[in-house]
C-alpha atoms as a PDB file:
ATOM      1  CA  MET A   1      27.369 -75.421-126.275  1.00  0.00           C
ATOM      2  CA  GLU A   2      30.210 -75.960-128.627  1.00  0.00           C
ATOM      3  CA  GLN A   3      31.474 -72.753-130.204  1.00  0.00           C
ATOM      4  CA  GLU A   4      31.570 -72.678-133.994  1.00  0.00           C
ATOM      5  CA  LYS A   5      35.076 -72.443-135.430  1.00  0.00           C
ATOM      6  CA  PHE A   6      35.882 -69.606-137.802  1.00  0.00           C
ATOM      7  CA  ASP A   7      36.479 -70.780-141.366  1.00  0.00           C
ATOM      8  CA  ILE A   8      37.781 -68.176-143.801  1.00  0.00           C
ATOM      9  CA  LYS A   9      36.495 -70.291-146.714  1.00  0.00           C
ATOM     10  CA  ASN A  10      32.952 -69.349-145.697  1.00  0.00           C
ATOM     11  CA  VAL A  11      33.618 -65.587-145.753  1.00  0.00           C
ATOM     12  CA  LYS A  12      31.808 -63.752-148.539  1.00  0.00           C
ATOM     13  CA  VAL A  13      33.032 -60.278-149.449  1.00  0.00           C
ATOM     14  CA  HIS A  14      30.448 -57.837-150.755  1.00  0.00           C
ATOM     15  CA  ARG A  15      30.941 -54.446-152.345  1.00  0.00           C
ATOM     16  CA  THR A  16      31.182 -51.645-149.808  1.00  0.00           C
ATOM     17  CA  THR A  17      31.755 -47.917-150.010  1.00  0.00           C
ATOM     18  CA  ALA A  18      35.339 -48.425-148.828  1.00  0.00           C
ATOM     19  CA  ALA A  19      35.944 -51.013-151.549  1.00  0.00           C
ATOM     20  CA  THR A  20      34.554 -48.670-154.180  1.00  0.00           C
ATOM     21  CA  VAL A  21      36.765 -45.825-152.941  1.00  0.00           C
ATOM     22  CA  PHE A  22      39.851 -48.058-153.101  1.00  0.00           C
ATOM     23  CA  GLU A  23      38.968 -49.246-156.595  1.00  0.00           C
ATOM     24  CA  VAL A  24      38.257 -45.758-157.945  1.00  0.00           C
ATOM     25  CA  ALA A  25      41.501 -44.467-156.384  1.00  0.00           C
ATOM     26  CA  PHE A  26      43.331 -47.453-157.883  1.00  0.00           C
ATOM     27  CA  ALA A  27      41.880 -46.833-161.358  1.00  0.00           C
ATOM     28  CA  CYS A  28      42.698 -43.096-161.243  1.00  0.00           C
ATOM     29  CA  LEU A  29      46.226 -43.786-160.005  1.00  0.00           C
ATOM     30  CA  ALA A  30      46.738 -46.483-162.664  1.00  0.00           C
ATOM     31  CA  ILE A  31      45.709 -44.043-165.401  1.00  0.00           C
ATOM     32  CA  MET A  32      48.057 -41.348-164.041  1.00  0.00           C
ATOM     33  CA  VAL A  33      50.950 -43.804-163.563  1.00  0.00           C
ATOM     34  CA  TRP A  34      50.628 -45.255-167.053  1.00  0.00           C
ATOM     35  CA  GLY A  35      50.149 -41.828-168.586  1.00  0.00           C
ATOM     36  CA  SER A  36      53.406 -40.790-166.917  1.00  0.00           C
ATOM     37  CA  ILE A  37      55.203 -43.974-167.970  1.00  0.00           C
ATOM     38  CA  ILE A  38      54.114 -43.568-171.592  1.00  0.00           C
ATOM     39  CA  TRP A  39      55.136 -39.909-171.550  1.00  0.00           C
ATOM     40  CA  MET A  40      58.563 -40.818-170.104  1.00  0.00           C
ATOM     41  CA  VAL A  41      59.078 -43.578-172.702  1.00  0.00           C
ATOM     42  CA  CYS A  42      58.247 -41.136-175.512  1.00  0.00           C
ATOM     43  CA  HIS A  43      60.683 -38.516-174.167  1.00  0.00           C
ATOM     44  CA  ALA A  44      63.501 -40.832-173.059  1.00  0.00           C
ATOM     45  CA  PRO A  45      66.814 -41.102-174.919  1.00  0.00           C
ATOM     46  CA  ASP A  46      67.449 -44.137-177.113  1.00  0.00           C
ATOM     47  CA  ILE A  47      69.567 -45.826-174.418  1.00  0.00           C
ATOM     48  CA  VAL A  48      68.565 -45.781-170.732  1.00  0.00           C
ATOM     49  CA  PRO A  49      69.834 -47.535-167.584  1.00  0.00           C
ATOM     50  CA  THR A  50      68.041 -50.843-166.998  1.00  0.00           C
ATOM     51  CA  HIS A  51      69.904 -52.243-163.987  1.00  0.00           C
ATOM     52  CA  PHE A  52      71.734 -50.861-160.949  1.00  0.00           C
ATOM     53  CA  ASP A  53      74.577 -52.286-158.863  1.00  0.00           C
ATOM     54  CA  GLY A  54      74.624 -52.555-155.076  1.00  0.00           C
ATOM     55  CA  ALA A  55      75.802 -48.956-154.738  1.00  0.00           C
ATOM     56  CA  GLY A  56      72.878 -47.706-156.846  1.00  0.00           C
ATOM     57  CA  ARG A  57      74.915 -46.915-159.961  1.00  0.00           C
ATOM     58  CA  PRO A  58      73.612 -48.025-163.374  1.00  0.00           C
ATOM     59  CA  ASN A  59      75.502 -51.017-164.745  1.00  0.00           C
ATOM     60  CA  ALA A  60      73.318 -52.121-167.682  1.00  0.00           C
ATOM     61  CA  TYR A  61      71.620 -50.156-170.442  1.00  0.00           C
ATOM     62  CA  GLY A  62      68.872 -50.822-172.972  1.00  0.00           C
ATOM     63  CA  SER A  63      65.795 -49.539-174.784  1.00  0.00           C
ATOM     64  CA  PRO A  64      63.231 -47.352-172.992  1.00  0.00           C
ATOM     65  CA  VAL A  65      60.473 -49.689-174.175  1.00  0.00           C
ATOM     66  CA  GLY A  66      62.192 -52.545-172.312  1.00  0.00           C
ATOM     67  CA  VAL A  67      61.718 -50.635-169.067  1.00  0.00           C
ATOM     68  CA  THR A  68      57.952 -51.025-169.449  1.00  0.00           C
ATOM     69  CA  ILE A  69      58.153 -54.825-169.069  1.00  0.00           C
ATOM     70  CA  PRO A  70      58.661 -54.824-165.266  1.00  0.00           C
ATOM     71  CA  CYS A  71      56.130 -52.000-165.010  1.00  0.00           C
ATOM     72  CA  ILE A  72      53.548 -54.115-166.855  1.00  0.00           C
ATOM     73  CA  LEU A  73      54.256 -57.142-164.651  1.00  0.00           C
ATOM     74  CA  ILE A  74      53.998 -55.098-161.460  1.00  0.00           C
ATOM     75  CA  THR A  75      50.739 -53.543-162.672  1.00  0.00           C
ATOM     76  CA  ILE A  76      49.309 -57.018-163.314  1.00  0.00           C
ATOM     77  CA  VAL A  77      50.252 -58.036-159.770  1.00  0.00           C
ATOM     78  CA  SER A  78      48.644 -54.872-158.389  1.00  0.00           C
ATOM     79  CA  ILE A  79      45.427 -55.652-160.291  1.00  0.00           C
ATOM     80  CA  GLY A  80      45.629 -59.145-158.824  1.00  0.00           C
ATOM     81  CA  CYS A  81      45.787 -57.614-155.344  1.00  0.00           C
ATOM     82  CA  MET A  82      42.599 -55.665-155.990  1.00  0.00           C
ATOM     83  CA  VAL A  83      40.845 -58.812-157.254  1.00  0.00           C
ATOM     84  CA  VAL A  84      42.037 -61.113-154.448  1.00  0.00           C
ATOM     85  CA  ALA A  85      40.521 -58.698-151.922  1.00  0.00           C
ATOM     86  CA  TYR A  86      37.178 -60.280-152.869  1.00  0.00           C
ATOM     87  CA  PHE A  87      38.536 -63.768-152.145  1.00  0.00           C
ATOM     88  CA  PRO A  88      40.127 -63.506-148.679  1.00  0.00           C
ATOM     89  CA  ARG A  89      40.803 -67.240-148.446  1.00  0.00           C
ATOM     90  CA  TYR A  90      43.619 -66.658-150.965  1.00  0.00           C
ATOM     91  CA  ILE A  91      45.263 -63.870-148.960  1.00  0.00           C
ATOM     92  CA  ASN A  92      48.488 -65.258-147.559  1.00  0.00           C
ATOM     93  CA  MET A  93      49.371 -63.657-144.227  1.00  0.00           C
ATOM     94  CA  PRO A  94      52.122 -64.666-141.788  1.00  0.00           C
ATOM     95  CA  VAL A  95      49.432 -64.689-139.076  1.00  0.00           C
ATOM     96  CA  LYS A  96      46.599 -67.225-138.947  1.00  0.00           C
ATOM     97  CA  ILE A  97      43.341 -65.391-139.575  1.00  0.00           C
ATOM     98  CA  LYS A  98      40.830 -66.421-136.900  1.00  0.00           C
ATOM     99  CA  ASN A  99      38.058 -63.810-136.982  1.00  0.00           C
ATOM    100  CA  ILE A 100      36.215 -61.386-139.240  1.00  0.00           C
ATOM    101  CA  CYS A 101      38.109 -58.346-137.909  1.00  0.00           C
ATOM    102  CA  GLN A 102      41.352 -59.923-139.089  1.00  0.00           C
ATOM    103  CA  VAL A 103      39.745 -60.647-142.472  1.00  0.00           C
ATOM    104  CA  LYS A 104      38.796 -56.962-142.867  1.00  0.00           C
ATOM    105  CA  LEU A 105      42.351 -55.890-142.023  1.00  0.00           C
ATOM    106  CA  ALA A 106      43.813 -58.446-144.454  1.00  0.00           C
ATOM    107  CA  ILE A 107      41.534 -57.171-147.225  1.00  0.00           C
ATOM    108  CA  THR A 108      42.557 -53.579-146.523  1.00  0.00           C
ATOM    109  CA  SER A 109      46.202 -54.654-146.466  1.00  0.00           C
ATOM    110  CA  VAL A 110      45.914 -56.244-149.910  1.00  0.00           C
ATOM    111  CA  ARG A 111      44.180 -53.181-151.347  1.00  0.00           C
ATOM    112  CA  VAL A 112      46.802 -50.808-149.935  1.00  0.00           C
ATOM    113  CA  ALA A 113      49.545 -53.082-151.304  1.00  0.00           C
ATOM    114  CA  GLY A 114      47.901 -52.978-154.747  1.00  0.00           C
ATOM    115  CA  ILE A 115      47.965 -49.188-154.758  1.00  0.00           C
ATOM    116  CA  THR A 116      51.549 -49.102-153.494  1.00  0.00           C
ATOM    117  CA  LEU A 117      52.640 -51.537-156.208  1.00  0.00           C
ATOM    118  CA  LEU A 118      51.459 -49.018-158.798  1.00  0.00           C
ATOM    119  CA  LEU A 119      53.848 -46.554-157.156  1.00  0.00           C
ATOM    120  CA  VAL A 120      56.629 -49.148-157.486  1.00  0.00           C
ATOM    121  CA  ALA A 121      55.982 -49.291-161.244  1.00  0.00           C
ATOM    122  CA  LEU A 122      56.111 -45.492-161.417  1.00  0.00           C
ATOM    123  CA  ALA A 123      59.328 -45.403-159.365  1.00  0.00           C
ATOM    124  CA  ILE A 124      60.957 -47.911-161.726  1.00  0.00           C
ATOM    125  CA  ALA A 125      59.988 -45.902-164.784  1.00  0.00           C
ATOM    126  CA  TYR A 126      61.003 -42.596-163.191  1.00  0.00           C
ATOM    127  CA  THR A 127      64.362 -43.974-162.068  1.00  0.00           C
ATOM    128  CA  MET A 128      65.228 -45.406-165.461  1.00  0.00           C
ATOM    129  CA  LEU A 129      63.518 -42.954-167.792  1.00  0.00           C
ATOM    130  CA  GLY A 130      62.789 -39.683-166.046  1.00  0.00           C
ATOM    131  CA  MET A 131      65.909 -38.772-164.112  1.00  0.00           C
ATOM    132  CA  SER A 132      68.868 -36.953-165.591  1.00  0.00           C
ATOM    133  CA  ALA A 133      71.218 -38.691-163.120  1.00  0.00           C
ATOM    134  CA  PRO A 134      69.709 -42.152-162.450  1.00  0.00           C
ATOM    135  CA  HIS A 135      69.844 -43.443-158.911  1.00  0.00           C
ATOM    136  CA  ALA A 136      67.959 -46.304-157.244  1.00  0.00           C
ATOM    137  CA  PHE A 137      66.595 -44.192-154.350  1.00  0.00           C
ATOM    138  CA  PRO A 138      62.998 -43.772-155.669  1.00  0.00           C
ATOM    139  CA  ILE A 139      62.624 -47.532-156.082  1.00  0.00           C
ATOM    140  CA  LEU A 140      64.120 -48.273-152.681  1.00  0.00           C
ATOM    141  CA  ALA A 141      61.910 -45.652-151.008  1.00  0.00           C
ATOM    142  CA  VAL A 142      58.668 -47.069-152.435  1.00  0.00           C
ATOM    143  CA  VAL A 143      59.680 -50.678-151.759  1.00  0.00           C
ATOM    144  CA  GLY A 144      60.542 -49.608-148.197  1.00  0.00           C
ATOM    145  CA  LEU A 145      57.051 -48.104-147.903  1.00  0.00           C
ATOM    146  CA  LEU A 146      55.556 -51.376-149.142  1.00  0.00           C
ATOM    147  CA  LEU A 147      57.522 -53.371-146.558  1.00  0.00           C
ATOM    148  CA  LEU A 148      56.475 -50.948-143.806  1.00  0.00           C
ATOM    149  CA  GLU A 149      52.819 -51.386-144.797  1.00  0.00           C
ATOM    150  CA  ILE A 150      53.189 -55.172-144.657  1.00  0.00           C
ATOM    151  CA  ILE A 151      54.774 -55.019-141.206  1.00  0.00           C
ATOM    152  CA  VAL A 152      52.150 -52.611-139.818  1.00  0.00           C
ATOM    153  CA  PHE A 153      49.204 -54.604-141.170  1.00  0.00           C
ATOM    154  CA  THR A 154      50.715 -57.883-139.946  1.00  0.00           C
ATOM    155  CA  ILE A 155      50.986 -56.427-136.441  1.00  0.00           C
ATOM    156  CA  LEU A 156      47.430 -55.053-136.597  1.00  0.00           C
ATOM    157  CA  ILE A 157      46.081 -58.414-137.788  1.00  0.00           C
ATOM    158  CA  TYR A 158      48.002 -60.251-135.063  1.00  0.00           C
ATOM    159  CA  LYS A 159      46.630 -57.931-132.358  1.00  0.00           C
ATOM    160  CA  ALA A 160      43.035 -58.206-133.649  1.00  0.00           C
ATOM    161  CA  LYS A 161      42.579 -61.638-132.040  1.00  0.00           C
END
């Protein structure tokens, strides 16, 4: 008998308890992150750092409201991550997905990345609006966490042949 080939286009994702937990956690975190961002914007000085040089020192300044623009864009991307989890054929991984176990890991990877991206938005706002002595460390730490998650999930997906 000829074995059927796996086609990710035929994979249907249904709501599960794990998906609901991720989505509720995402919604709660989004509310807390945006509550914090709005609070920081309201309490920030009129001029805040908006860009940092290679050494992590601020080298451009602007309005606190302008800081929300990258936060909004990152939040939209994080929402996109939560949505694309239901359409695994659109998940772009550096490893070819060949079985359902890899699909489940890819979906989890996208959901974790969506939650971590909310933390990136918070780190940006905190760095530019909430710190008395701005430094790029919070942003770099959260982006480092995001990269670590991508590496770990890529390895797990590769090994789940």
